[in-house]
Amino acid sequence: MSVTPSLISSLRSYSLLGTKVVTPRSVVLQRRLLSTSYVPATKAALPSSANDVVPKTPASEIVSSFYTAINVNDLASARDLIAQDCVYEDLIFSSPFVGRTAILDFFGKFIDATSTDMQFVIDDISKEDSSAVGVSWHLEWKGKRFPFSKSCSFYRLEVIDGKKQIVYVRDCVEPAIKPGESVIAAVKGVAWLLRKFPQIADRF
């Protein structure tokens, strides 16, 4: 039995049940779309949201830019680097600063109190991770090291609306009082109390 071009055309358009018949080309395209290794020729072939696009700017560069903005009192530039609901946890304060506005207000007060004579200087920064950055830094006053300012910070970043931003920070600043080995005795005492009265841990 021979198959005529008109019959093929009919079969491509309709089935005996009246539903659309999937053509061989459509099957091939569907298989390609389901394949993780398939890369569409045009951006329009596979729709994606802005959050699916990962910016090429390294996370370490964003964190470095944040310190630079603070150093030159450019809070407008710093604003673009911080997520709206960012949490900044400085361990010398009893509670974290929550939200971009609260964080920028804090740094605004810091700049007003010290002027741009006080500068953050990065000693070392990790560059391997695209979403987490560790930084060791210190403060300098007119180029001279400021006392008790050695610190370590951790930054976590996420892509929000197509832009990589800082979503969490924790600062651990050098203490002015250095108790030394007496800390071990204090930890030993607290550990003894926890063994005797474990319910104390619920108050921490």
N, C-alpha and C. Protein backbone atom coordinates (compact mmCIF):
# COMPACT_ATOMS: atom_id res chain seq x y z
N MET A 1 0.85 -1.19 0.00
CA MET A 1 0.00 0.00 0.00
C MET A 1 0.89 1.25 0.00
N SER A 2 0.67 2.10 -0.95
CA SER A 2 1.49 3.30 -1.06
C SER A 2 0.87 4.41 -0.22
N VAL A 3 1.73 5.27 0.29
CA VAL A 3 1.27 6.39 1.11
C VAL A 3 1.49 7.66 0.31
N THR A 4 0.46 8.37 0.03
CA THR A 4 0.55 9.58 -0.77
C THR A 4 0.89 10.77 0.10
N PRO A 5 1.46 11.82 -0.49
CA PRO A 5 1.78 13.03 0.31
C PRO A 5 0.55 13.62 0.97
N SER A 6 -0.62 13.54 0.31
CA SER A 6 -1.82 14.11 0.92
C SER A 6 -2.24 13.33 2.14
N LEU A 7 -2.02 11.98 2.12
CA LEU A 7 -2.38 11.16 3.26
C LEU A 7 -1.47 11.48 4.45
N ILE A 8 -0.18 11.66 4.13
CA ILE A 8 0.77 12.01 5.20
C ILE A 8 0.39 13.33 5.84
N SER A 9 0.01 14.29 4.98
CA SER A 9 -0.40 15.60 5.49
C SER A 9 -1.61 15.49 6.38
N SER A 10 -2.55 14.62 5.99
CA SER A 10 -3.76 14.45 6.80
C SER A 10 -3.44 13.83 8.14
N LEU A 11 -2.54 12.82 8.10
CA LEU A 11 -2.19 12.15 9.36
C LEU A 11 -1.46 13.09 10.31
N ARG A 12 -0.71 14.04 9.75
CA ARG A 12 0.01 14.99 10.60
C ARG A 12 -0.94 15.97 11.26
N SER A 13 -2.08 16.19 10.65
CA SER A 13 -3.02 17.18 11.17
C SER A 13 -4.08 16.57 12.07
N TYR A 14 -4.50 15.36 11.78
CA TYR A 14 -5.61 14.78 12.54
C TYR A 14 -5.38 13.30 12.79
N SER A 15 -5.94 12.84 13.89
CA SER A 15 -5.98 11.41 14.17
C SER A 15 -7.42 10.96 14.00
N LEU A 16 -7.62 9.63 14.11
CA LEU A 16 -8.97 9.10 13.98
C LEU A 16 -9.87 9.60 15.10
N LEU A 17 -9.26 10.02 16.22
CA LEU A 17 -10.06 10.49 17.35
C LEU A 17 -10.27 12.00 17.30
N GLY A 18 -9.71 12.62 16.29
CA GLY A 18 -9.93 14.06 16.14
C GLY A 18 -8.96 14.92 16.91
N THR A 19 -7.90 14.35 17.45
CA THR A 19 -6.91 15.13 18.18
C THR A 19 -5.68 15.34 17.35
N LYS A 20 -4.87 16.30 17.74
CA LYS A 20 -3.69 16.66 16.99
C LYS A 20 -2.65 15.57 17.08
N VAL A 21 -2.06 15.19 15.98
CA VAL A 21 -1.02 14.19 15.96
C VAL A 21 0.34 14.89 16.06
N VAL A 22 1.19 14.42 16.94
CA VAL A 22 2.51 15.03 17.11
C VAL A 22 3.40 14.60 15.97
N THR A 23 3.95 15.54 15.27
CA THR A 23 4.81 15.23 14.13
C THR A 23 6.18 14.79 14.63
N PRO A 24 6.94 14.07 13.80
CA PRO A 24 8.28 13.65 14.21
C PRO A 24 9.17 14.81 14.62
N ARG A 25 9.05 15.96 13.96
CA ARG A 25 9.86 17.14 14.33
C ARG A 25 9.52 17.62 15.74
N SER A 26 8.25 17.62 16.10
CA SER A 26 7.85 18.03 17.45
C SER A 26 8.42 17.09 18.49
N VAL A 27 8.43 15.79 18.18
CA VAL A 27 8.98 14.82 19.12
C VAL A 27 10.46 15.08 19.36
N VAL A 28 11.18 15.35 18.29
CA VAL A 28 12.61 15.64 18.41
C VAL A 28 12.85 16.86 19.27
N LEU A 29 12.06 17.93 19.05
CA LEU A 29 12.21 19.15 19.82
C LEU A 29 11.90 18.93 21.28
N GLN A 30 10.85 18.15 21.56
CA GLN A 30 10.50 17.89 22.96
C GLN A 30 11.60 17.12 23.66
N ARG A 31 12.20 16.16 22.97
CA ARG A 31 13.29 15.40 23.57
C ARG A 31 14.49 16.29 23.86
N ARG A 32 14.74 17.23 22.95
CA ARG A 32 15.84 18.15 23.16
C ARG A 32 15.59 19.06 24.36
N LEU A 33 14.36 19.54 24.49
CA LEU A 33 14.02 20.43 25.59
C LEU A 33 14.13 19.72 26.94
N LEU A 34 13.87 18.42 26.95
CA LEU A 34 13.95 17.66 28.20
C LEU A 34 15.38 17.26 28.54
N SER A 35 16.28 17.35 27.57
CA SER A 35 17.66 16.96 27.79
C SER A 35 18.41 18.09 28.48
N THR A 36 19.13 17.77 29.56
CA THR A 36 19.88 18.80 30.29
C THR A 36 21.08 19.29 29.51
N SER A 37 21.52 18.50 28.52
CA SER A 37 22.70 18.88 27.75
C SER A 37 22.35 19.74 26.56
N TYR A 38 21.08 19.91 26.30
CA TYR A 38 20.67 20.68 25.14
C TYR A 38 20.72 22.17 25.43
N VAL A 39 21.36 22.90 24.55
CA VAL A 39 21.44 24.35 24.68
C VAL A 39 20.70 24.97 23.52
N PRO A 40 19.61 25.72 23.76
CA PRO A 40 18.83 26.29 22.67
C PRO A 40 19.65 27.30 21.88
N ALA A 41 19.33 27.41 20.59
CA ALA A 41 20.08 28.31 19.72
C ALA A 41 19.80 29.76 20.05
N THR A 42 18.58 30.04 20.54
CA THR A 42 18.22 31.40 20.89
C THR A 42 17.71 31.43 22.32
N LYS A 43 17.78 32.61 22.95
CA LYS A 43 17.33 32.76 24.33
C LYS A 43 15.83 32.58 24.44
N ALA A 44 15.11 32.84 23.33
CA ALA A 44 13.66 32.75 23.38
C ALA A 44 13.16 31.32 23.41
N ALA A 45 14.03 30.35 23.08
CA ALA A 45 13.59 28.96 23.01
C ALA A 45 13.20 28.42 24.37
N LEU A 46 13.92 28.84 25.42
CA LEU A 46 13.62 28.38 26.77
C LEU A 46 13.44 29.58 27.67
N PRO A 47 12.22 29.90 28.08
CA PRO A 47 12.01 31.05 28.95
C PRO A 47 12.63 30.81 30.32
N SER A 48 13.17 31.86 30.92
CA SER A 48 13.75 31.75 32.26
C SER A 48 13.54 33.06 32.99
N SER A 49 13.51 32.97 34.31
CA SER A 49 13.33 34.17 35.12
C SER A 49 14.66 34.84 35.33
N ALA A 50 14.63 36.06 35.86
CA ALA A 50 15.86 36.81 36.09
C ALA A 50 16.75 36.12 37.11
N ASN A 51 16.15 35.39 38.06
CA ASN A 51 16.93 34.73 39.10
C ASN A 51 17.72 33.55 38.57
N ASP A 52 17.36 33.05 37.35
CA ASP A 52 18.08 31.93 36.77
C ASP A 52 19.40 32.38 36.14
N VAL A 53 19.57 33.67 35.94
CA VAL A 53 20.77 34.19 35.32
C VAL A 53 21.75 34.58 36.42
N VAL A 54 22.89 33.90 36.46
CA VAL A 54 23.88 34.15 37.50
C VAL A 54 24.85 35.22 37.02
N PRO A 55 24.92 36.36 37.68
CA PRO A 55 25.86 37.41 37.27
C PRO A 55 27.29 36.90 37.31
N LYS A 56 28.12 37.45 36.41
CA LYS A 56 29.50 37.00 36.32
C LYS A 56 30.40 37.69 37.34
N THR A 57 29.92 38.75 37.99
CA THR A 57 30.75 39.46 38.96
C THR A 57 31.09 38.55 40.14
N PRO A 58 32.36 38.33 40.44
CA PRO A 58 32.74 37.46 41.56
C PRO A 58 32.20 38.00 42.88
N ALA A 59 31.85 37.09 43.78
CA ALA A 59 31.34 37.50 45.09
C ALA A 59 32.38 38.31 45.85
N SER A 60 33.65 37.93 45.74
CA SER A 60 34.71 38.64 46.45
C SER A 60 34.82 40.08 45.96
N GLU A 61 34.55 40.30 44.68
CA GLU A 61 34.60 41.67 44.14
C GLU A 61 33.46 42.53 44.70
N ILE A 62 32.30 41.92 44.88
CA ILE A 62 31.16 42.65 45.45
C ILE A 62 31.45 43.04 46.89
N VAL A 63 32.03 42.12 47.65
CA VAL A 63 32.36 42.41 49.05
C VAL A 63 33.45 43.49 49.12
N SER A 64 34.44 43.40 48.26
CA SER A 64 35.49 44.42 48.23
C SER A 64 34.91 45.79 47.88
N SER A 65 33.95 45.79 46.95
CA SER A 65 33.30 47.05 46.56
C SER A 65 32.51 47.65 47.71
N PHE A 66 31.95 46.78 48.56
CA PHE A 66 31.22 47.25 49.73
C PHE A 66 32.16 48.02 50.67
N TYR A 67 33.34 47.45 50.95
CA TYR A 67 34.30 48.14 51.82
C TYR A 67 34.76 49.45 51.19
N THR A 68 34.99 49.43 49.88
CA THR A 68 35.42 50.65 49.19
C THR A 68 34.37 51.75 49.30
N ALA A 69 33.10 51.38 49.13
CA ALA A 69 32.01 52.36 49.22
C ALA A 69 31.96 52.98 50.62
N ILE A 70 32.14 52.17 51.65
CA ILE A 70 32.12 52.70 53.02
C ILE A 70 33.32 53.62 53.23
N ASN A 71 34.47 53.24 52.69
CA ASN A 71 35.69 54.04 52.88
C ASN A 71 35.57 55.44 52.28
N VAL A 72 34.82 55.57 51.19
CA VAL A 72 34.70 56.88 50.53
C VAL A 72 33.35 57.54 50.82
N ASN A 73 32.63 56.99 51.81
CA ASN A 73 31.34 57.56 52.21
C ASN A 73 30.34 57.60 51.04
N ASP A 74 30.31 56.52 50.28
CA ASP A 74 29.39 56.42 49.15
C ASP A 74 28.32 55.38 49.49
N LEU A 75 27.40 55.76 50.38
CA LEU A 75 26.38 54.83 50.82
C LEU A 75 25.40 54.48 49.70
N ALA A 76 25.29 55.34 48.70
CA ALA A 76 24.40 55.04 47.57
C ALA A 76 24.90 53.82 46.81
N SER A 77 26.21 53.74 46.61
CA SER A 77 26.79 52.57 45.94
C SER A 77 26.68 51.33 46.82
N ALA A 78 26.87 51.51 48.13
CA ALA A 78 26.76 50.39 49.06
C ALA A 78 25.34 49.83 49.07
N ARG A 79 24.35 50.70 48.90
CA ARG A 79 22.95 50.28 48.91
C ARG A 79 22.68 49.22 47.84
N ASP A 80 23.25 49.40 46.66
CA ASP A 80 23.01 48.46 45.57
C ASP A 80 23.63 47.09 45.82
N LEU A 81 24.55 47.01 46.76
CA LEU A 81 25.24 45.74 47.03
C LEU A 81 24.57 44.93 48.12
N ILE A 82 23.62 45.55 48.83
CA ILE A 82 22.98 44.90 49.98
C ILE A 82 21.54 44.55 49.64
N ALA A 83 21.14 43.33 49.97
CA ALA A 83 19.75 42.92 49.75
C ALA A 83 18.81 43.67 50.69
N GLN A 84 17.57 43.81 50.27
CA GLN A 84 16.58 44.56 51.03
C GLN A 84 16.42 44.01 52.44
N ASP A 85 16.45 42.68 52.60
CA ASP A 85 16.25 42.05 53.91
C ASP A 85 17.54 41.47 54.47
N CYS A 86 18.66 42.06 54.12
CA CYS A 86 19.97 41.59 54.60
C CYS A 86 20.04 41.64 56.13
N VAL A 87 20.77 40.71 56.71
CA VAL A 87 21.00 40.66 58.15
C VAL A 87 22.49 40.86 58.41
N TYR A 88 22.82 41.90 59.19
CA TYR A 88 24.21 42.20 59.52
C TYR A 88 24.41 41.97 61.02
N GLU A 89 25.22 40.98 61.35
CA GLU A 89 25.42 40.58 62.74
C GLU A 89 26.83 40.96 63.19
N ASP A 90 26.94 42.04 63.93
CA ASP A 90 28.21 42.45 64.52
C ASP A 90 28.19 41.98 65.97
N LEU A 91 29.14 41.11 66.33
CA LEU A 91 29.07 40.43 67.62
C LEU A 91 29.38 41.33 68.82
N ILE A 92 29.73 42.59 68.57
CA ILE A 92 29.88 43.49 69.73
C ILE A 92 28.54 44.14 70.08
N PHE A 93 27.52 43.89 69.29
CA PHE A 93 26.17 44.38 69.58
C PHE A 93 25.30 43.22 70.05
N SER A 94 24.32 43.54 70.86
CA SER A 94 23.47 42.50 71.44
C SER A 94 22.49 41.90 70.44
N SER A 95 22.19 42.62 69.37
CA SER A 95 21.25 42.12 68.37
C SER A 95 21.71 42.58 66.98
N PRO A 96 21.37 41.83 65.94
CA PRO A 96 21.82 42.17 64.59
C PRO A 96 21.03 43.35 64.00
N PHE A 97 21.60 43.94 62.97
CA PHE A 97 20.90 44.96 62.20
C PHE A 97 20.18 44.24 61.06
N VAL A 98 18.87 44.44 60.98
CA VAL A 98 18.06 43.71 60.01
C VAL A 98 17.50 44.67 58.97
N GLY A 99 17.80 44.42 57.71
CA GLY A 99 17.28 45.25 56.64
C GLY A 99 18.31 46.25 56.14
N ARG A 100 18.24 46.54 54.85
CA ARG A 100 19.19 47.45 54.21
C ARG A 100 19.24 48.82 54.88
N THR A 101 18.07 49.37 55.21
CA THR A 101 18.02 50.71 55.81
C THR A 101 18.74 50.75 57.15
N ALA A 102 18.49 49.77 58.01
CA ALA A 102 19.14 49.73 59.32
C ALA A 102 20.65 49.59 59.19
N ILE A 103 21.10 48.79 58.24
CA ILE A 103 22.53 48.57 58.05
C ILE A 103 23.21 49.85 57.57
N LEU A 104 22.60 50.51 56.60
CA LEU A 104 23.18 51.74 56.07
C LEU A 104 23.15 52.87 57.11
N ASP A 105 22.11 52.89 57.94
CA ASP A 105 22.06 53.88 59.03
C ASP A 105 23.22 53.68 59.99
N PHE A 106 23.51 52.41 60.29
CA PHE A 106 24.63 52.10 61.18
C PHE A 106 25.95 52.59 60.60
N PHE A 107 26.20 52.28 59.33
CA PHE A 107 27.46 52.70 58.72
C PHE A 107 27.50 54.22 58.54
N GLY A 108 26.34 54.84 58.34
CA GLY A 108 26.30 56.29 58.26
C GLY A 108 26.76 56.92 59.57
N LYS A 109 26.31 56.36 60.69
CA LYS A 109 26.73 56.85 62.00
C LYS A 109 28.22 56.59 62.23
N PHE A 110 28.69 55.45 61.75
CA PHE A 110 30.12 55.12 61.88
C PHE A 110 30.97 56.14 61.13
N ILE A 111 30.56 56.47 59.90
CA ILE A 111 31.31 57.44 59.09
C ILE A 111 31.26 58.83 59.73
N ASP A 112 30.09 59.22 60.25
CA ASP A 112 29.96 60.53 60.90
C ASP A 112 30.88 60.63 62.12
N ALA A 113 31.05 59.50 62.81
CA ALA A 113 31.86 59.51 64.03
C ALA A 113 33.35 59.48 63.74
N THR A 114 33.74 58.92 62.60
CA THR A 114 35.17 58.72 62.33
C THR A 114 35.69 59.51 61.13
N SER A 115 34.81 59.93 60.23
CA SER A 115 35.17 60.56 58.96
C SER A 115 35.88 59.55 58.07
N THR A 116 36.21 59.95 56.88
CA THR A 116 36.89 59.04 55.95
C THR A 116 38.37 58.88 56.29
N ASP A 117 38.82 59.49 57.39
CA ASP A 117 40.19 59.24 57.85
C ASP A 117 40.33 57.80 58.34
N MET A 118 39.21 57.20 58.76
CA MET A 118 39.20 55.81 59.20
C MET A 118 38.85 54.93 58.00
N GLN A 119 39.73 53.99 57.71
CA GLN A 119 39.57 53.16 56.52
C GLN A 119 39.60 51.67 56.87
N PHE A 120 38.72 50.91 56.20
CA PHE A 120 38.78 49.46 56.26
C PHE A 120 39.87 48.98 55.30
N VAL A 121 40.77 48.15 55.79
CA VAL A 121 41.84 47.62 54.96
C VAL A 121 41.73 46.09 54.95
N ILE A 122 41.55 45.51 53.77
CA ILE A 122 41.42 44.06 53.65
C ILE A 122 42.80 43.41 53.70
N ASP A 123 42.99 42.48 54.63
CA ASP A 123 44.24 41.73 54.73
C ASP A 123 44.21 40.50 53.83
N ASP A 124 43.07 39.84 53.81
CA ASP A 124 42.92 38.63 52.99
C ASP A 124 41.45 38.41 52.70
N ILE A 125 41.15 37.85 51.52
CA ILE A 125 39.76 37.60 51.14
C ILE A 125 39.70 36.34 50.29
N SER A 126 38.72 35.50 50.56
CA SER A 126 38.57 34.25 49.79
C SER A 126 37.90 34.56 48.47
N LYS A 127 38.32 33.84 47.43
CA LYS A 127 37.80 34.12 46.08
C LYS A 127 37.28 32.88 45.36
N GLU A 128 37.24 31.74 46.05
CA GLU A 128 36.89 30.50 45.37
C GLU A 128 35.38 30.28 45.25
N ASP A 129 34.61 30.80 46.20
CA ASP A 129 33.17 30.53 46.25
C ASP A 129 32.39 31.68 45.64
N SER A 130 31.33 31.35 44.91
CA SER A 130 30.52 32.39 44.26
C SER A 130 29.40 32.93 45.14
N SER A 131 29.20 32.33 46.31
CA SER A 131 28.10 32.77 47.17
C SER A 131 28.50 32.97 48.62
N ALA A 132 29.74 32.69 48.99
CA ALA A 132 30.21 32.87 50.37
C ALA A 132 31.63 33.40 50.35
N VAL A 133 31.89 34.41 51.18
CA VAL A 133 33.20 35.07 51.18
C VAL A 133 33.67 35.27 52.61
N GLY A 134 34.90 34.90 52.87
CA GLY A 134 35.53 35.16 54.16
C GLY A 134 36.54 36.29 54.00
N VAL A 135 36.58 37.19 54.98
CA VAL A 135 37.47 38.36 54.91
C VAL A 135 38.16 38.56 56.25
N SER A 136 39.47 38.79 56.21
CA SER A 136 40.17 39.29 57.40
C SER A 136 40.59 40.72 57.08
N TRP A 137 40.36 41.63 58.05
CA TRP A 137 40.60 43.04 57.80
C TRP A 137 40.99 43.75 59.08
N HIS A 138 41.42 45.00 58.94
CA HIS A 138 41.69 45.85 60.10
C HIS A 138 41.37 47.29 59.72
N LEU A 139 41.35 48.16 60.71
CA LEU A 139 41.09 49.58 60.49
C LEU A 139 42.40 50.37 60.54
N GLU A 140 42.46 51.40 59.73
CA GLU A 140 43.60 52.31 59.76
C GLU A 140 43.11 53.74 59.87
N TRP A 141 43.83 54.53 60.68
CA TRP A 141 43.53 55.95 60.84
C TRP A 141 44.64 56.76 60.18
N LYS A 142 44.29 57.40 59.07
CA LYS A 142 45.26 58.16 58.27
C LYS A 142 46.49 57.32 57.96
N GLY A 143 46.25 56.08 57.56
CA GLY A 143 47.33 55.21 57.13
C GLY A 143 48.03 54.44 58.23
N LYS A 144 47.65 54.68 59.48
CA LYS A 144 48.27 53.97 60.59
C LYS A 144 47.26 53.00 61.22
N ARG A 145 47.75 51.83 61.59
CA ARG A 145 46.87 50.80 62.13
C ARG A 145 46.15 51.28 63.39
N PHE A 146 44.84 51.10 63.41
CA PHE A 146 44.03 51.49 64.56
C PHE A 146 44.03 50.35 65.57
N PRO A 147 44.20 50.64 66.87
CA PRO A 147 44.28 49.56 67.88
C PRO A 147 42.97 48.78 68.01
N PHE A 148 43.10 47.52 68.32
CA PHE A 148 41.98 46.61 68.57
C PHE A 148 40.98 46.58 67.41
N SER A 149 41.48 46.53 66.22
CA SER A 149 40.57 46.56 65.06
C SER A 149 40.73 45.37 64.12
N LYS A 150 41.57 44.42 64.50
CA LYS A 150 41.69 43.23 63.66
C LYS A 150 40.38 42.45 63.72
N SER A 151 39.89 42.02 62.55
CA SER A 151 38.57 41.40 62.51
C SER A 151 38.50 40.35 61.40
N CYS A 152 37.53 39.47 61.56
CA CYS A 152 37.19 38.50 60.52
C CYS A 152 35.70 38.63 60.23
N SER A 153 35.33 38.55 58.97
CA SER A 153 33.92 38.68 58.58
C SER A 153 33.55 37.56 57.61
N PHE A 154 32.30 37.17 57.68
CA PHE A 154 31.75 36.19 56.75
C PHE A 154 30.59 36.82 56.01
N TYR A 155 30.58 36.67 54.70
CA TYR A 155 29.51 37.22 53.85
C TYR A 155 28.85 36.08 53.07
N ARG A 156 27.53 36.12 53.02
CA ARG A 156 26.79 35.20 52.16
C ARG A 156 26.02 36.03 51.13
N LEU A 157 26.06 35.61 49.88
CA LEU A 157 25.42 36.35 48.80
C LEU A 157 24.43 35.47 48.05
N GLU A 158 23.41 36.10 47.49
CA GLU A 158 22.43 35.40 46.66
C GLU A 158 22.09 36.28 45.46
N VAL A 159 21.59 35.62 44.41
CA VAL A 159 21.14 36.36 43.23
C VAL A 159 19.68 36.74 43.43
N ILE A 160 19.42 38.03 43.45
CA ILE A 160 18.07 38.56 43.66
C ILE A 160 17.73 39.49 42.49
N ASP A 161 16.67 39.15 41.76
CA ASP A 161 16.26 39.93 40.59
C ASP A 161 17.42 40.14 39.62
N GLY A 162 18.17 39.07 39.41
CA GLY A 162 19.26 39.12 38.44
C GLY A 162 20.51 39.80 38.92
N LYS A 163 20.55 40.17 40.21
CA LYS A 163 21.71 40.90 40.75
C LYS A 163 22.22 40.16 41.99
N LYS A 164 23.53 39.92 42.02
CA LYS A 164 24.12 39.26 43.18
C LYS A 164 24.29 40.28 44.30
N GLN A 165 23.69 39.98 45.47
CA GLN A 165 23.72 40.92 46.58
C GLN A 165 24.07 40.21 47.89
N ILE A 166 24.52 41.00 48.85
CA ILE A 166 24.87 40.49 50.17
C ILE A 166 23.58 40.28 50.97
N VAL A 167 23.39 39.07 51.50
CA VAL A 167 22.18 38.78 52.26
C VAL A 167 22.46 38.53 53.74
N TYR A 168 23.74 38.28 54.07
CA TYR A 168 24.06 38.03 55.49
C TYR A 168 25.53 38.37 55.74
N VAL A 169 25.78 38.98 56.89
CA VAL A 169 27.15 39.31 57.30
C VAL A 169 27.31 39.00 58.78
N ARG A 170 28.47 38.45 59.14
CA ARG A 170 28.81 38.31 60.56
C ARG A 170 30.22 38.85 60.76
N ASP A 171 30.36 39.81 61.68
CA ASP A 171 31.64 40.41 62.01
C ASP A 171 32.11 39.94 63.38
N CYS A 172 33.35 39.49 63.46
CA CYS A 172 33.97 39.12 64.73
C CYS A 172 35.17 40.04 64.94
N VAL A 173 35.02 41.01 65.82
CA VAL A 173 36.03 42.04 66.01
C VAL A 173 36.93 41.70 67.19
N GLU A 174 38.20 42.07 67.08
CA GLU A 174 39.18 41.85 68.13
C GLU A 174 38.74 42.54 69.42
N PRO A 175 38.73 41.83 70.55
CA PRO A 175 38.32 42.47 71.81
C PRO A 175 39.41 43.38 72.36
N ALA A 176 38.99 44.46 72.99
CA ALA A 176 39.97 45.38 73.60
C ALA A 176 40.58 44.75 74.85
N ILE A 177 39.80 43.95 75.56
CA ILE A 177 40.30 43.24 76.74
C ILE A 177 40.60 41.80 76.33
N LYS A 178 41.84 41.37 76.60
CA LYS A 178 42.27 40.04 76.19
C LYS A 178 42.49 39.17 77.43
N PRO A 179 41.52 38.36 77.77
CA PRO A 179 41.60 37.57 79.00
C PRO A 179 42.58 36.41 78.93
N GLY A 180 43.02 36.03 77.73
CA GLY A 180 44.01 34.96 77.61
C GLY A 180 43.50 33.62 78.13
N GLU A 181 44.36 32.91 78.89
CA GLU A 181 44.02 31.56 79.33
C GLU A 181 42.90 31.53 80.37
N SER A 182 42.57 32.68 80.93
CA SER A 182 41.46 32.69 81.89
C SER A 182 40.14 32.32 81.21
N VAL A 183 40.10 32.45 79.87
CA VAL A 183 38.91 32.02 79.13
C VAL A 183 38.69 30.53 79.29
N ILE A 184 39.79 29.77 79.32
CA ILE A 184 39.67 28.31 79.47
C ILE A 184 39.03 27.98 80.81
N ALA A 185 39.45 28.70 81.86
CA ALA A 185 38.86 28.47 83.19
C ALA A 185 37.39 28.83 83.18
N ALA A 186 37.03 29.91 82.48
CA ALA A 186 35.63 30.33 82.42
C ALA A 186 34.79 29.29 81.67
N VAL A 187 35.32 28.78 80.55
CA VAL A 187 34.61 27.75 79.79
C VAL A 187 34.45 26.48 80.62
N LYS A 188 35.50 26.14 81.36
CA LYS A 188 35.45 24.94 82.20
C LYS A 188 34.35 25.09 83.26
N GLY A 189 34.25 26.30 83.85
CA GLY A 189 33.21 26.54 84.86
C GLY A 189 31.81 26.45 84.27
N VAL A 190 31.63 27.03 83.09
CA VAL A 190 30.31 26.98 82.45
C VAL A 190 29.96 25.55 82.07
N ALA A 191 30.94 24.79 81.58
CA ALA A 191 30.69 23.39 81.21
C ALA A 191 30.27 22.57 82.43
N TRP A 192 30.90 22.84 83.58
CA TRP A 192 30.53 22.13 84.82
C TRP A 192 29.09 22.45 85.20
N LEU A 193 28.71 23.73 85.10
CA LEU A 193 27.33 24.12 85.41
C LEU A 193 26.32 23.45 84.48
N LEU A 194 26.67 23.34 83.21
CA LEU A 194 25.75 22.72 82.25
C LEU A 194 25.58 21.23 82.52
N ARG A 195 26.66 20.58 82.98
CA ARG A 195 26.53 19.17 83.31
C ARG A 195 25.63 18.96 84.53
N LYS A 196 25.76 19.87 85.49
CA LYS A 196 24.96 19.77 86.71
C LYS A 196 23.52 20.24 86.49
N PHE A 197 23.37 21.29 85.72
CA PHE A 197 22.05 21.89 85.50
C PHE A 197 21.83 22.11 83.99
N PRO A 198 21.58 21.06 83.23
CA PRO A 198 21.45 21.17 81.77
C PRO A 198 20.34 22.12 81.31
N GLN A 199 19.36 22.36 82.19
CA GLN A 199 18.26 23.26 81.81
C GLN A 199 18.74 24.69 81.61
N ILE A 200 19.93 25.01 82.12
CA ILE A 200 20.47 26.37 81.94
C ILE A 200 20.65 26.68 80.46
N ALA A 201 20.98 25.66 79.68
CA ALA A 201 21.24 25.86 78.25
C ALA A 201 20.03 26.45 77.54
N ASP A 202 18.83 26.21 78.08
CA ASP A 202 17.62 26.75 77.44
C ASP A 202 17.53 28.27 77.55
N ARG A 203 18.33 28.87 78.42
CA ARG A 203 18.30 30.31 78.63
C ARG A 203 19.27 31.05 77.70
N PHE A 204 20.13 30.32 77.02
CA PHE A 204 21.14 30.97 76.15
C PHE A 204 20.46 31.52 74.90
